[in-house]
């Protein structure tokens, strides 16, 4: 893996200087690909009142357009990630089919594992940073990098007004 600390510092310093939308999420996407080979990165904002998530960012907008919404009420994933603010790690086709209504799209892209990292501001989950890979098994390195990138990207949710939910 390339120099992790140096890569993080440079990418997030540069992101902090940008005034465009979601600079830290974009940096997380680029670093996730460079450091651990993620093939899809999305960022979602959580609307607690409707128990839905809406896509703020997608590294593959043709397949996963920005603005897309997903209902998560009464789902195990929604309880774990959105209400309890606990990370989800999905490995293999069965896990993806079980937890994601759009599993046909995910699997059709050749993706077989996922980390959904909750974005926590003020003690509550306000969204997720999601990274997916073609390999059916997650490595510790992939999980840790996804977790760290979610922490470093979190200010973008605040700037997007997500803390109001």
Protein backbone atom coordinates (compact mmCIF):
# COMPACT_ATOMS: atom_id res chain seq x y z
CA UNK A 1 0.00 0.00 0.00
CA UNK A 2 1.34 3.47 -0.82
CA UNK A 3 2.39 5.67 2.10
CA UNK A 4 -0.92 5.91 3.95
CA UNK A 5 -0.25 8.85 6.25
CA UNK A 6 1.41 10.98 3.58
CA UNK A 7 -1.36 10.23 1.09
CA UNK A 8 -4.05 11.14 3.62
CA UNK A 9 -2.40 14.38 4.66
CA UNK A 10 -1.85 15.59 1.11
CA UNK A 11 -5.30 14.64 -0.16
CA UNK A 12 -7.23 16.12 2.75
CA UNK A 13 -5.13 19.30 2.91
CA UNK A 14 -5.94 19.81 -0.76
CA UNK A 15 -9.63 19.02 -0.14
CA UNK A 16 -9.75 21.59 2.66
CA UNK A 17 -8.62 24.27 0.18
CA UNK A 18 -11.39 23.49 -2.31
CA UNK A 19 -14.68 25.34 -2.29
CA UNK A 20 -16.64 22.98 -4.54
CA UNK A 21 -19.16 20.42 -3.31
CA UNK A 22 -18.02 17.50 -1.16
CA UNK A 23 -14.24 17.90 -1.52
CA UNK A 24 -13.46 15.47 1.32
CA UNK A 25 -15.79 12.81 -0.06
CA UNK A 26 -14.08 13.15 -3.44
CA UNK A 27 -10.69 12.78 -1.73
CA UNK A 28 -11.97 9.70 0.14
CA UNK A 29 -13.14 8.18 -3.15
CA UNK A 30 -9.79 8.76 -4.83
CA UNK A 31 -7.80 7.46 -1.86
CA UNK A 32 -10.09 4.45 -1.39
CA UNK A 33 -9.40 3.48 -4.97
CA UNK A 34 -5.67 4.19 -4.77
CA UNK A 35 -5.02 2.60 -1.38
CA UNK A 36 -7.35 -0.39 -1.25
CA UNK A 37 -8.85 -0.71 -4.73
CA UNK A 38 -12.49 0.15 -4.06
CA UNK A 39 -14.53 0.10 -7.27
CA UNK A 40 -17.57 2.07 -6.13
CA UNK A 41 -17.81 4.84 -3.57
CA UNK A 42 -21.08 6.51 -2.62
CA UNK A 43 -22.03 9.00 0.06
CA UNK A 44 -25.54 9.09 1.47
CA UNK A 45 -27.33 11.57 3.73
CA UNK A 46 -29.79 10.15 6.26
CA UNK A 47 -33.26 11.63 6.78
CA UNK A 48 -34.27 10.35 10.20
CA UNK A 49 -37.91 11.50 9.89
CA UNK A 50 -38.56 9.41 6.77
CA UNK A 51 -35.93 6.75 7.52
CA UNK A 52 -34.48 7.15 4.03
CA UNK A 53 -31.03 7.78 2.64
CA UNK A 54 -30.31 9.96 -0.37
CA UNK A 55 -27.16 9.82 -2.50
CA UNK A 56 -24.96 12.92 -2.31
CA UNK A 57 -22.04 11.48 -4.28
CA UNK A 58 -21.30 8.54 -6.55
CA UNK A 59 -18.06 7.52 -8.20
CA UNK A 60 -20.21 5.79 -10.85
CA UNK A 61 -23.06 8.23 -11.51
CA UNK A 62 -24.35 6.36 -14.56
CA UNK A 63 -25.20 3.32 -12.44
CA UNK A 64 -25.78 5.16 -9.14
CA UNK A 65 -26.94 8.72 -9.84
CA UNK A 66 -26.71 11.48 -7.27
CA UNK A 67 -30.12 12.15 -5.74
CA UNK A 68 -31.25 8.53 -5.66
CA UNK A 69 -33.22 7.61 -2.52
CA UNK A 70 -33.51 4.34 -0.65
CA UNK A 71 -36.05 3.52 2.06
CA UNK A 72 -34.47 1.90 5.14
CA UNK A 73 -37.37 1.76 7.62
CA UNK A 74 -37.77 -1.61 9.35
CA UNK A 75 -34.55 -3.07 7.96
CA UNK A 76 -31.77 -4.70 9.94
CA UNK A 77 -29.25 -2.60 8.00
CA UNK A 78 -31.14 0.62 8.83
CA UNK A 79 -31.24 -0.22 12.53
CA UNK A 80 -27.56 -1.17 12.66
CA UNK A 81 -26.04 1.58 10.54
CA UNK A 82 -28.44 4.51 10.75
CA UNK A 83 -30.03 4.21 14.19
CA UNK A 84 -27.22 2.51 16.13
CA UNK A 85 -24.41 4.14 14.08
CA UNK A 86 -22.55 0.83 13.72
CA UNK A 87 -20.56 -0.08 10.62
CA UNK A 88 -21.87 -2.73 8.22
CA UNK A 89 -19.47 -5.16 6.58
CA UNK A 90 -20.99 -7.28 3.84
CA UNK A 91 -19.12 -10.17 2.30
CA UNK A 92 -20.29 -12.21 -0.67
CA UNK A 93 -23.38 -12.32 -2.82
CA UNK A 94 -25.64 -13.66 -0.07
CA UNK A 95 -24.94 -10.70 2.24
CA UNK A 96 -25.51 -8.23 -0.57
CA UNK A 97 -28.78 -9.90 -1.61
CA UNK A 98 -29.98 -9.99 2.00
CA UNK A 99 -29.33 -6.34 2.85
CA UNK A 100 -29.70 -4.32 -0.37
CA UNK A 101 -32.82 -3.99 -2.52
CA UNK A 102 -30.59 -2.91 -5.43
CA UNK A 103 -28.52 -6.10 -5.18
CA UNK A 104 -28.97 -6.86 -8.88
CA UNK A 105 -27.22 -3.60 -9.82
CA UNK A 106 -24.43 -4.14 -7.26
CA UNK A 107 -23.82 -7.72 -8.37
CA UNK A 108 -24.19 -6.74 -12.03
CA UNK A 109 -21.26 -4.37 -11.56
CA UNK A 110 -19.21 -7.34 -10.33
CA UNK A 111 -19.11 -6.07 -6.73
CA UNK A 112 -19.15 -8.65 -3.96
CA UNK A 113 -18.17 -6.89 -0.71
CA UNK A 114 -19.06 -3.62 0.98
CA UNK A 115 -18.27 -1.42 3.96
CA UNK A 116 -20.96 1.07 5.01
CA UNK A 117 -19.36 3.48 7.47
CA UNK A 118 -21.77 5.68 9.42
CA UNK A 119 -21.01 9.39 9.46
CA UNK A 120 -21.53 10.54 13.03
CA UNK A 121 -21.97 14.21 13.91
CA UNK A 122 -23.14 15.38 17.31
CA UNK A 123 -23.52 11.78 18.47
CA UNK A 124 -25.97 10.73 15.72
CA UNK A 125 -25.63 9.15 12.32
CA UNK A 126 -26.25 11.72 9.56
CA UNK A 127 -25.25 9.55 6.62
CA UNK A 128 -22.89 6.90 5.32
CA UNK A 129 -19.74 6.56 3.26
CA UNK A 130 -19.93 3.33 1.28
CA UNK A 131 -17.11 1.47 -0.45
CA UNK A 132 -17.47 -1.69 -2.54
CA UNK A 133 -15.03 -4.23 -4.02
CA UNK A 134 -15.21 -7.14 -6.47
CA UNK A 135 -13.63 -9.56 -3.99
CA UNK A 136 -16.19 -11.43 -1.85
CA UNK A 137 -14.06 -11.16 1.31
CA UNK A 138 -13.07 -7.95 3.06
CA UNK A 139 -9.56 -7.48 4.38
CA UNK A 140 -8.75 -5.74 7.64
CA UNK A 141 -6.88 -3.14 5.62
CA UNK A 142 -9.93 -2.32 3.48
CA UNK A 143 -12.17 -2.01 6.53
CA UNK A 144 -9.72 0.22 8.39
CA UNK A 145 -9.09 2.48 5.41
CA UNK A 146 -12.87 2.85 4.79
CA UNK A 147 -13.39 3.73 8.48
CA UNK A 148 -10.60 6.30 8.47
CA UNK A 149 -11.73 7.89 5.21
CA UNK A 150 -15.28 8.21 6.59
CA UNK A 151 -13.96 10.04 9.64
CA UNK A 152 -11.87 12.39 7.51
CA UNK A 153 -14.73 13.05 5.08
CA UNK A 154 -17.35 13.72 7.81
CA UNK A 155 -17.12 17.53 7.65
CA UNK A 156 -18.70 17.42 4.18
CA UNK A 157 -21.99 16.21 5.71
CA UNK A 158 -21.98 19.18 8.07
CA UNK A 159 -21.31 21.53 5.17
CA UNK A 160 -24.19 19.91 3.27
CA UNK A 161 -26.53 20.64 6.17
CA UNK A 162 -26.94 17.02 7.24
CA UNK A 163 -26.65 17.87 10.93
CA UNK A 164 -30.16 19.35 10.79
CA UNK A 165 -31.78 15.92 10.37
